[in-house]
Amino acid sequence: MRTIRRLIVAAAGLFAATGLASAQDTDLAKQLSNPVASLISLPFQFNYDSGFGPDDGHRVTLNIQPVIPFELSSDWNLISRTIIPVIWQEDVAGPSGSQFGLGDTVQSLFLSPSAPGPGGIIWGAGPVFMLPTSTDPLLGGDRWGAGPTGVVLKQSGPWTYGVLANHIWSFAGPDAAPDVNATFVQPFLTYTTDDAWTFAFNTESTYDWEAEQWSVPINFMVSKLVKFGEQPVSFQAGVRYWAESPDAGPDGLGFRGAVTLLFPK
């Protein structure tokens, strides 16, 4: 809890400092709420979770998440979303010591219309891949995986709401590595103010069909978009509560902070 308090104090100081910026861009802030927006961005997302296993293990994860859109035609875009986790953890599997390194990479590709459809509906669909990039057996599953992914959302005034989902099956890897058969569902709701503050609420629920267990963190985040010269940057901080997790998984409160660099056309 001491670590969480320090992080919250640091985030509060950061928000106070960025609040002095005079250049705001509400449209860019709203685009960040759209997973298939035609906007190059580079988020660095920090997560802290605790309560793992019988020894109250904890984990710090830095997710590097580049988002790169490709214009296929005047009507269609292909959006690449990558998640590369860098993990430090301690005693997450009983007295298992500490590990530091890469986790497994998740690569998603969304084919999406360049303009909203009837009723203002925005959508994207395509494949998702899991790449065994973990540097330690306790940091990843050592399996290749693939499956479908999709997102549907609507933006109405300051509101953005929708759901992103995927399912990954493992198809290759060492025989000793456990199979992967998991569904991920992320409903989300955001509200963006005229001065580029965004309040976001979501869950990032995963159902493990092999273990028949849910992991359900509920997240509440606040972000602010500012400009340093011509460079737009979004700062985010928030908390999460683990409503459901496996017996050896995290519990209680966690913390999330993020810095996102934006590169509008």
C-alpha atoms as a PDB file:
ATOM      1  CA  MET A   1       0.000   0.000   0.000  1.00  0.00           C
ATOM      2  CA  ARG A   2       2.937   2.353   0.665  1.00  0.00           C
ATOM      3  CA  THR A   3       4.025   1.913  -2.959  1.00  0.00           C
ATOM      4  CA  ILE A   4       0.503   2.690  -4.233  1.00  0.00           C
ATOM      5  CA  ARG A   5       0.307   5.838  -2.069  1.00  0.00           C
ATOM      6  CA  ARG A   6       3.630   7.070  -3.432  1.00  0.00           C
ATOM      7  CA  LEU A   7       2.512   6.450  -6.997  1.00  0.00           C
ATOM      8  CA  ILE A   8      -0.783   8.275  -6.436  1.00  0.00           C
ATOM      9  CA  VAL A   9       1.028  11.272  -4.920  1.00  0.00           C
ATOM     10  CA  ALA A  10       3.442  11.341  -7.877  1.00  0.00           C
ATOM     11  CA  ALA A  11       0.567  11.121 -10.366  1.00  0.00           C
ATOM     12  CA  ALA A  12      -1.271  13.956  -8.586  1.00  0.00           C
ATOM     13  CA  GLY A  13       1.832  16.129  -8.862  1.00  0.00           C
ATOM     14  CA  LEU A  14       2.150  15.279 -12.549  1.00  0.00           C
ATOM     15  CA  PHE A  15      -1.472  16.234 -13.239  1.00  0.00           C
ATOM     16  CA  ALA A  16      -1.020  19.492 -11.345  1.00  0.00           C
ATOM     17  CA  ALA A  17       1.999  20.343 -13.475  1.00  0.00           C
ATOM     18  CA  THR A  18       0.402  19.463 -16.794  1.00  0.00           C
ATOM     19  CA  GLY A  19      -2.703  21.397 -15.854  1.00  0.00           C
ATOM     20  CA  LEU A  20      -0.649  24.580 -16.452  1.00  0.00           C
ATOM     21  CA  ALA A  21      -0.411  23.836 -20.179  1.00  0.00           C
ATOM     22  CA  SER A  22      -2.473  26.184 -22.307  1.00  0.00           C
ATOM     23  CA  ALA A  23      -2.717  24.169 -25.551  1.00  0.00           C
ATOM     24  CA  GLN A  24      -5.526  21.586 -25.500  1.00  0.00           C
ATOM     25  CA  ASP A  25      -6.900  19.338 -28.171  1.00  0.00           C
ATOM     26  CA  THR A  26     -10.231  17.717 -27.362  1.00  0.00           C
ATOM     27  CA  ASP A  27     -10.468  15.925 -30.680  1.00  0.00           C
ATOM     28  CA  LEU A  28      -7.163  14.119 -30.109  1.00  0.00           C
ATOM     29  CA  ALA A  29      -8.279  13.170 -26.610  1.00  0.00           C
ATOM     30  CA  LYS A  30     -11.453  11.646 -28.050  1.00  0.00           C
ATOM     31  CA  GLN A  31      -9.481   9.770 -30.694  1.00  0.00           C
ATOM     32  CA  LEU A  32      -7.492   8.105 -27.908  1.00  0.00           C
ATOM     33  CA  SER A  33     -10.755   6.614 -26.653  1.00  0.00           C
ATOM     34  CA  ASN A  34     -11.278   4.938 -30.047  1.00  0.00           C
ATOM     35  CA  PRO A  35      -9.154   1.763 -30.424  1.00  0.00           C
ATOM     36  CA  VAL A  36      -9.367   1.938 -34.239  1.00  0.00           C
ATOM     37  CA  ALA A  37      -8.812   5.676 -34.726  1.00  0.00           C
ATOM     38  CA  SER A  38      -6.513   6.633 -37.590  1.00  0.00           C
ATOM     39  CA  LEU A  39      -3.927   8.010 -35.187  1.00  0.00           C
ATOM     40  CA  ILE A  40      -0.348   6.901 -34.542  1.00  0.00           C
ATOM     41  CA  SER A  41       0.251   6.682 -30.802  1.00  0.00           C
ATOM     42  CA  LEU A  42       2.835   5.197 -28.455  1.00  0.00           C
ATOM     43  CA  PRO A  43       1.487   4.452 -24.974  1.00  0.00           C
ATOM     44  CA  PHE A  44       3.726   3.427 -22.080  1.00  0.00           C
ATOM     45  CA  GLN A  45       1.309   1.891 -19.562  1.00  0.00           C
ATOM     46  CA  PHE A  46       2.451   1.122 -16.009  1.00  0.00           C
ATOM     47  CA  ASN A  47       0.499  -1.360 -13.843  1.00  0.00           C
ATOM     48  CA  TYR A  48       1.004  -2.400 -10.230  1.00  0.00           C
ATOM     49  CA  ASP A  49      -0.872  -5.392  -8.748  1.00  0.00           C
ATOM     50  CA  SER A  50      -0.459  -7.359  -5.542  1.00  0.00           C
ATOM     51  CA  GLY A  51      -1.954 -10.258  -3.579  1.00  0.00           C
ATOM     52  CA  PHE A  52      -0.550 -13.080  -5.717  1.00  0.00           C
ATOM     53  CA  GLY A  53      -0.439 -16.508  -4.049  1.00  0.00           C
ATOM     54  CA  PRO A  54       0.033 -17.318  -0.370  1.00  0.00           C
ATOM     55  CA  ASP A  55       2.992 -14.936   0.047  1.00  0.00           C
ATOM     56  CA  ASP A  56       1.194 -11.786  -1.152  1.00  0.00           C
ATOM     57  CA  GLY A  57       3.361 -11.516  -4.243  1.00  0.00           C
ATOM     58  CA  HIS A  58       3.334  -8.406  -6.391  1.00  0.00           C
ATOM     59  CA  ARG A  59       3.918  -7.524 -10.010  1.00  0.00           C
ATOM     60  CA  VAL A  60       4.912  -4.386 -11.893  1.00  0.00           C
ATOM     61  CA  THR A  61       4.164  -4.382 -15.630  1.00  0.00           C
ATOM     62  CA  LEU A  62       5.165  -1.799 -18.205  1.00  0.00           C
ATOM     63  CA  ASN A  63       3.104  -2.352 -21.363  1.00  0.00           C
ATOM     64  CA  ILE A  64       4.608  -0.762 -24.467  1.00  0.00           C
ATOM     65  CA  GLN A  65       1.645  -0.464 -26.849  1.00  0.00           C
ATOM     66  CA  PRO A  66       2.370   1.112 -30.257  1.00  0.00           C
ATOM     67  CA  VAL A  67      -0.713   1.772 -32.395  1.00  0.00           C
ATOM     68  CA  ILE A  68      -0.060   2.264 -36.124  1.00  0.00           C
ATOM     69  CA  PRO A  69      -2.837   2.777 -38.713  1.00  0.00           C
ATOM     70  CA  PHE A  70      -2.317   2.000 -42.393  1.00  0.00           C
ATOM     71  CA  GLU A  71      -4.552   3.557 -45.055  1.00  0.00           C
ATOM     72  CA  LEU A  72      -5.488   0.749 -47.439  1.00  0.00           C
ATOM     73  CA  SER A  73      -7.851   2.888 -49.526  1.00  0.00           C
ATOM     74  CA  SER A  74     -10.095   5.901 -49.163  1.00  0.00           C
ATOM     75  CA  ASP A  75     -12.651   3.653 -47.450  1.00  0.00           C
ATOM     76  CA  TRP A  76     -10.599   1.229 -45.347  1.00  0.00           C
ATOM     77  CA  ASN A  77      -7.839   1.334 -42.731  1.00  0.00           C
ATOM     78  CA  LEU A  78      -5.778  -1.406 -41.136  1.00  0.00           C
ATOM     79  CA  ILE A  79      -4.873  -0.666 -37.513  1.00  0.00           C
ATOM     80  CA  SER A  80      -1.985  -2.487 -35.854  1.00  0.00           C
ATOM     81  CA  ARG A  81      -2.124  -2.647 -32.046  1.00  0.00           C
ATOM     82  CA  THR A  82       0.803  -4.296 -30.235  1.00  0.00           C
ATOM     83  CA  ILE A  83       1.247  -5.027 -26.520  1.00  0.00           C
ATOM     84  CA  ILE A  84       4.816  -5.751 -25.381  1.00  0.00           C
ATOM     85  CA  PRO A  85       4.942  -6.341 -21.602  1.00  0.00           C
ATOM     86  CA  VAL A  86       8.069  -5.709 -19.548  1.00  0.00           C
ATOM     87  CA  ILE A  87       7.527  -7.340 -16.147  1.00  0.00           C
ATOM     88  CA  TRP A  88       9.127  -7.302 -12.724  1.00  0.00           C
ATOM     89  CA  GLN A  89       7.514  -9.581 -10.152  1.00  0.00           C
ATOM     90  CA  GLU A  90       8.220 -11.225  -6.814  1.00  0.00           C
ATOM     91  CA  ASP A  91       6.713 -14.317  -5.148  1.00  0.00           C
ATOM     92  CA  VAL A  92       3.766 -14.530  -7.558  1.00  0.00           C
ATOM     93  CA  ALA A  93       3.806 -18.358  -7.288  1.00  0.00           C
ATOM     94  CA  GLY A  94       4.525 -18.819  -3.605  1.00  0.00           C
ATOM     95  CA  PRO A  95       8.177 -18.294  -2.572  1.00  0.00           C
ATOM     96  CA  SER A  96       9.240 -18.161  -6.236  1.00  0.00           C
ATOM     97  CA  GLY A  97      11.658 -15.256  -5.900  1.00  0.00           C
ATOM     98  CA  SER A  98      11.816 -12.397  -8.362  1.00  0.00           C
ATOM     99  CA  GLN A  99      11.801 -12.354 -12.134  1.00  0.00           C
ATOM    100  CA  PHE A 100      12.413  -9.543 -14.591  1.00  0.00           C
ATOM    101  CA  GLY A 101      12.068  -9.576 -18.354  1.00  0.00           C
ATOM    102  CA  LEU A 102       9.646  -9.700 -21.249  1.00  0.00           C
ATOM    103  CA  GLY A 103       6.227 -11.319 -21.170  1.00  0.00           C
ATOM    104  CA  ASP A 104       4.360 -12.689 -24.192  1.00  0.00           C
ATOM    105  CA  THR A 105       3.586 -10.189 -26.951  1.00  0.00           C
ATOM    106  CA  VAL A 106       0.014  -9.772 -28.239  1.00  0.00           C
ATOM    107  CA  GLN A 107      -0.400  -8.424 -31.788  1.00  0.00           C
ATOM    108  CA  SER A 108      -3.850  -7.374 -33.054  1.00  0.00           C
ATOM    109  CA  LEU A 109      -4.840  -6.233 -36.552  1.00  0.00           C
ATOM    110  CA  PHE A 110      -8.159  -4.476 -37.165  1.00  0.00           C
ATOM    111  CA  LEU A 111      -9.665  -3.881 -40.596  1.00  0.00           C
ATOM    112  CA  SER A 112     -11.910  -0.870 -40.105  1.00  0.00           C
ATOM    113  CA  PRO A 113     -13.942   1.495 -42.322  1.00  0.00           C
ATOM    114  CA  SER A 114     -12.398   4.952 -42.472  1.00  0.00           C
ATOM    115  CA  ALA A 115     -15.771   6.580 -41.701  1.00  0.00           C
ATOM    116  CA  PRO A 116     -18.453   5.647 -39.155  1.00  0.00           C
ATOM    117  CA  GLY A 117     -21.322   3.525 -40.442  1.00  0.00           C
ATOM    118  CA  PRO A 118     -25.088   3.935 -40.031  1.00  0.00           C
ATOM    119  CA  GLY A 119     -26.011   5.364 -36.655  1.00  0.00           C
ATOM    120  CA  GLY A 120     -22.422   6.483 -36.109  1.00  0.00           C
ATOM    121  CA  ILE A 121     -21.232   2.939 -35.389  1.00  0.00           C
ATOM    122  CA  ILE A 122     -17.457   2.425 -35.596  1.00  0.00           C
ATOM    123  CA  TRP A 123     -16.088  -1.092 -35.861  1.00  0.00           C
ATOM    124  CA  GLY A 124     -13.029  -3.106 -36.649  1.00  0.00           C
ATOM    125  CA  ALA A 125     -12.242  -6.824 -36.913  1.00  0.00           C
ATOM    126  CA  GLY A 126      -9.313  -9.067 -37.709  1.00  0.00           C
ATOM    127  CA  PRO A 127      -6.828 -11.545 -36.259  1.00  0.00           C
ATOM    128  CA  VAL A 128      -4.956 -11.513 -32.966  1.00  0.00           C
ATOM    129  CA  PHE A 129      -1.660 -13.323 -32.370  1.00  0.00           C
ATOM    130  CA  MET A 130       0.192 -14.318 -29.210  1.00  0.00           C
ATOM    131  CA  LEU A 131       3.972 -14.502 -29.607  1.00  0.00           C
ATOM    132  CA  PRO A 132       6.099 -16.432 -27.053  1.00  0.00           C
ATOM    133  CA  THR A 133       8.545 -13.622 -26.297  1.00  0.00           C
ATOM    134  CA  SER A 134       8.706 -14.267 -22.537  1.00  0.00           C
ATOM    135  CA  THR A 135      12.203 -14.518 -21.090  1.00  0.00           C
ATOM    136  CA  ASP A 136      11.208 -16.638 -18.070  1.00  0.00           C
ATOM    137  CA  PRO A 137       8.617 -19.438 -17.636  1.00  0.00           C
ATOM    138  CA  LEU A 138       6.918 -17.420 -14.874  1.00  0.00           C
ATOM    139  CA  LEU A 139       6.546 -14.400 -17.181  1.00  0.00           C
ATOM    140  CA  GLY A 140       4.653 -16.098 -20.025  1.00  0.00           C
ATOM    141  CA  GLY A 141       3.194 -19.275 -21.431  1.00  0.00           C
ATOM    142  CA  ASP A 142       5.860 -20.188 -24.037  1.00  0.00           C
ATOM    143  CA  ARG A 143       3.085 -20.848 -26.576  1.00  0.00           C
ATOM    144  CA  TRP A 144       2.185 -19.522 -30.010  1.00  0.00           C
ATOM    145  CA  GLY A 145      -1.461 -18.505 -30.222  1.00  0.00           C
ATOM    146  CA  ALA A 146      -3.978 -16.930 -32.575  1.00  0.00           C
ATOM    147  CA  GLY A 147      -7.667 -16.149 -32.901  1.00  0.00           C
ATOM    148  CA  PRO A 148     -10.199 -13.464 -33.852  1.00  0.00           C
ATOM    149  CA  THR A 149     -10.540  -9.979 -32.433  1.00  0.00           C
ATOM    150  CA  GLY A 150     -13.079  -7.204 -32.896  1.00  0.00           C
ATOM    151  CA  VAL A 151     -14.267  -3.887 -31.555  1.00  0.00           C
ATOM    152  CA  VAL A 152     -17.508  -1.930 -31.900  1.00  0.00           C
ATOM    153  CA  LEU A 153     -18.135   1.525 -30.462  1.00  0.00           C
ATOM    154  CA  LYS A 154     -19.983   4.787 -30.820  1.00  0.00           C
ATOM    155  CA  GLN A 155     -18.917   8.361 -30.117  1.00  0.00           C
ATOM    156  CA  SER A 156     -21.720  10.761 -29.265  1.00  0.00           C
ATOM    157  CA  GLY A 157     -20.791  14.237 -28.060  1.00  0.00           C
ATOM    158  CA  PRO A 158     -18.340  13.839 -25.176  1.00  0.00           C
ATOM    159  CA  TRP A 159     -19.184  10.141 -24.721  1.00  0.00           C
ATOM    160  CA  THR A 160     -17.440   7.085 -26.155  1.00  0.00           C
ATOM    161  CA  TYR A 161     -18.777   3.624 -25.383  1.00  0.00           C
ATOM    162  CA  GLY A 162     -18.245   0.173 -26.818  1.00  0.00           C
ATOM    163  CA  VAL A 163     -16.599  -3.194 -26.355  1.00  0.00           C
ATOM    164  CA  LEU A 164     -13.376  -4.818 -27.541  1.00  0.00           C
ATOM    165  CA  ALA A 165     -12.961  -8.597 -27.462  1.00  0.00           C
ATOM    166  CA  ASN A 166     -10.697 -11.385 -28.627  1.00  0.00           C
ATOM    167  CA  HIS A 167     -10.170 -15.102 -28.219  1.00  0.00           C
ATOM    168  CA  ILE A 168      -6.789 -16.819 -28.339  1.00  0.00           C
ATOM    169  CA  TRP A 169      -6.101 -20.521 -28.810  1.00  0.00           C
ATOM    170  CA  SER A 170      -2.557 -21.875 -28.596  1.00  0.00           C
ATOM    171  CA  PHE A 171      -1.439 -23.959 -31.586  1.00  0.00           C
ATOM    172  CA  ALA A 172       2.312 -24.534 -31.113  1.00  0.00           C
ATOM    173  CA  GLY A 173       4.988 -24.654 -28.470  1.00  0.00           C
ATOM    174  CA  PRO A 174       6.667 -27.105 -26.105  1.00  0.00           C
ATOM    175  CA  ASP A 175       4.498 -30.042 -24.997  1.00  0.00           C
ATOM    176  CA  ALA A 176       5.206 -29.168 -21.362  1.00  0.00           C
ATOM    177  CA  ALA A 177       3.779 -25.649 -21.777  1.00  0.00           C
ATOM    178  CA  PRO A 178       0.103 -25.332 -20.762  1.00  0.00           C
ATOM    179  CA  ASP A 179      -2.496 -24.860 -23.500  1.00  0.00           C
ATOM    180  CA  VAL A 180      -4.025 -21.409 -23.955  1.00  0.00           C
ATOM    181  CA  ASN A 181      -7.764 -21.085 -24.543  1.00  0.00           C
ATOM    182  CA  ALA A 182      -8.833 -17.652 -23.318  1.00  0.00           C
ATOM    183  CA  THR A 183     -11.532 -15.067 -24.050  1.00  0.00           C
ATOM    184  CA  PHE A 184     -10.855 -11.395 -23.389  1.00  0.00           C
ATOM    185  CA  VAL A 185     -13.745  -8.888 -23.126  1.00  0.00           C
ATOM    186  CA  GLN A 186     -13.288  -5.165 -22.513  1.00  0.00           C
ATOM    187  CA  PRO A 187     -16.438  -3.020 -22.330  1.00  0.00           C
ATOM    188  CA  PHE A 188     -15.506   0.650 -21.967  1.00  0.00           C
ATOM    189  CA  LEU A 189     -17.101   4.029 -21.300  1.00  0.00           C
ATOM    190  CA  THR A 190     -15.320   7.392 -21.483  1.00  0.00           C
ATOM    191  CA  TYR A 191     -16.285  11.043 -21.117  1.00  0.00           C
ATOM    192  CA  THR A 192     -14.055  13.782 -22.583  1.00  0.00           C
ATOM    193  CA  THR A 193     -14.423  17.404 -21.482  1.00  0.00           C
ATOM    194  CA  ASP A 194     -13.927  20.498 -23.624  1.00  0.00           C
ATOM    195  CA  ASP A 195     -10.497  21.067 -22.058  1.00  0.00           C
ATOM    196  CA  ALA A 196      -9.275  17.538 -22.930  1.00  0.00           C
ATOM    197  CA  TRP A 197      -9.754  15.753 -19.617  1.00  0.00           C
ATOM    198  CA  THR A 198     -11.004  12.186 -20.102  1.00  0.00           C
ATOM    199  CA  PHE A 199     -12.685  10.033 -17.455  1.00  0.00           C
ATOM    200  CA  ALA A 200     -12.698   6.343 -18.329  1.00  0.00           C
ATOM    201  CA  PHE A 201     -14.334   3.276 -16.822  1.00  0.00           C
ATOM    202  CA  ASN A 202     -13.793  -0.253 -18.098  1.00  0.00           C
ATOM    203  CA  THR A 203     -13.230  -3.870 -17.244  1.00  0.00           C
ATOM    204  CA  GLU A 204     -10.570  -6.093 -18.809  1.00  0.00           C
ATOM    205  CA  SER A 205     -12.106  -9.481 -18.158  1.00  0.00           C
ATOM    206  CA  THR A 206     -10.459 -12.746 -19.203  1.00  0.00           C
ATOM    207  CA  TYR A 207     -12.027 -16.192 -19.012  1.00  0.00           C
ATOM    208  CA  ASP A 208      -9.589 -19.104 -18.974  1.00  0.00           C
ATOM    209  CA  TRP A 209     -11.471 -22.032 -20.524  1.00  0.00           C
ATOM    210  CA  GLU A 210      -8.770 -24.511 -19.474  1.00  0.00           C
ATOM    211  CA  ALA A 211      -8.929 -23.600 -15.775  1.00  0.00           C
ATOM    212  CA  GLU A 212     -12.578 -22.422 -15.933  1.00  0.00           C
ATOM    213  CA  GLN A 213     -11.698 -19.217 -14.085  1.00  0.00           C
ATOM    214  CA  TRP A 214     -12.409 -15.507 -14.540  1.00  0.00           C
ATOM    215  CA  SER A 215     -10.024 -12.599 -14.034  1.00  0.00           C
ATOM    216  CA  VAL A 216     -12.030  -9.363 -13.735  1.00  0.00           C
ATOM    217  CA  PRO A 217     -10.228  -6.098 -12.946  1.00  0.00           C
ATOM    218  CA  ILE A 218     -12.436  -2.991 -12.868  1.00  0.00           C
ATOM    219  CA  ASN A 219     -10.534   0.150 -13.861  1.00  0.00           C
ATOM    220  CA  PHE A 220     -11.243   3.842 -13.345  1.00  0.00           C
ATOM    221  CA  MET A 221      -8.802   6.255 -14.994  1.00  0.00           C
ATOM    222  CA  VAL A 222      -8.421   9.996 -15.475  1.00  0.00           C
ATOM    223  CA  SER A 223      -6.290  11.387 -18.301  1.00  0.00           C
ATOM    224  CA  LYS A 224      -5.263  14.802 -19.529  1.00  0.00           C
ATOM    225  CA  LEU A 225      -3.980  15.699 -22.988  1.00  0.00           C
ATOM    226  CA  VAL A 226      -1.428  18.519 -23.182  1.00  0.00           C
ATOM    227  CA  LYS A 227       1.121  19.788 -25.696  1.00  0.00           C
ATOM    228  CA  PHE A 228       4.831  20.341 -25.224  1.00  0.00           C
ATOM    229  CA  GLY A 229       5.534  22.633 -28.131  1.00  0.00           C
ATOM    230  CA  GLU A 230       3.912  20.787 -31.032  1.00  0.00           C
ATOM    231  CA  GLN A 231       4.068  17.343 -29.381  1.00  0.00           C
ATOM    232  CA  PRO A 232       0.726  16.111 -27.953  1.00  0.00           C
ATOM    233  CA  VAL A 233       1.073  13.905 -24.879  1.00  0.00           C
ATOM    234  CA  SER A 234      -1.603  12.242 -22.770  1.00  0.00           C
ATOM    235  CA  PHE A 235      -0.989  11.558 -19.068  1.00  0.00           C
ATOM    236  CA  GLN A 236      -3.197   9.023 -17.290  1.00  0.00           C
ATOM    237  CA  ALA A 237      -3.561   7.723 -13.750  1.00  0.00           C
ATOM    238  CA  GLY A 238      -6.133   5.564 -12.019  1.00  0.00           C
ATOM    239  CA  VAL A 239      -6.960   2.617  -9.824  1.00  0.00           C
ATOM    240  CA  ARG A 240      -8.278  -0.857 -10.405  1.00  0.00           C
ATOM    241  CA  TYR A 241     -10.162  -3.299  -8.213  1.00  0.00           C
ATOM    242  CA  TRP A 242      -9.938  -7.047  -8.759  1.00  0.00           C
ATOM    243  CA  ALA A 243     -13.573  -8.150  -8.560  1.00  0.00           C
ATOM    244  CA  GLU A 244     -12.643 -11.729  -9.519  1.00  0.00           C
ATOM    245  CA  SER A 245      -9.364 -13.577 -10.015  1.00  0.00           C
ATOM    246  CA  PRO A 246      -7.941 -17.089  -9.733  1.00  0.00           C
ATOM    247  CA  ASP A 247      -6.978 -18.314  -6.250  1.00  0.00           C
ATOM    248  CA  ALA A 248      -3.313 -17.561  -6.932  1.00  0.00           C
ATOM    249  CA  GLY A 249      -4.046 -14.337  -8.811  1.00  0.00           C
ATOM    250  CA  PRO A 250      -3.990 -10.691  -7.724  1.00  0.00           C
ATOM    251  CA  ASP A 251      -6.587  -9.205  -5.422  1.00  0.00           C
ATOM    252  CA  GLY A 252      -7.580  -5.922  -3.831  1.00  0.00           C
ATOM    253  CA  LEU A 253      -6.546  -2.609  -5.318  1.00  0.00           C
ATOM    254  CA  GLY A 254      -4.007  -1.954  -8.042  1.00  0.00           C
ATOM    255  CA  PHE A 255      -2.669   1.162  -9.732  1.00  0.00           C
ATOM    256  CA  ARG A 256      -2.315   2.217 -13.366  1.00  0.00           C
ATOM    257  CA  GLY A 257      -0.446   5.137 -14.876  1.00  0.00           C
ATOM    258  CA  ALA A 258       0.343   5.868 -18.522  1.00  0.00           C
ATOM    259  CA  VAL A 259       2.111   8.328 -20.785  1.00  0.00           C
ATOM    260  CA  THR A 260       1.037   8.329 -24.440  1.00  0.00           C
ATOM    261  CA  LEU A 261       2.856  10.109 -27.235  1.00  0.00           C
ATOM    262  CA  LEU A 262       0.594  11.074 -30.152  1.00  0.00           C
ATOM    263  CA  PHE A 263       1.626  11.617 -33.761  1.00  0.00           C
ATOM    264  CA  PRO A 264      -1.357  13.081 -35.650  1.00  0.00           C
ATOM    265  CA  LYS A 265      -1.157  13.439 -39.414  1.00  0.00           C
END
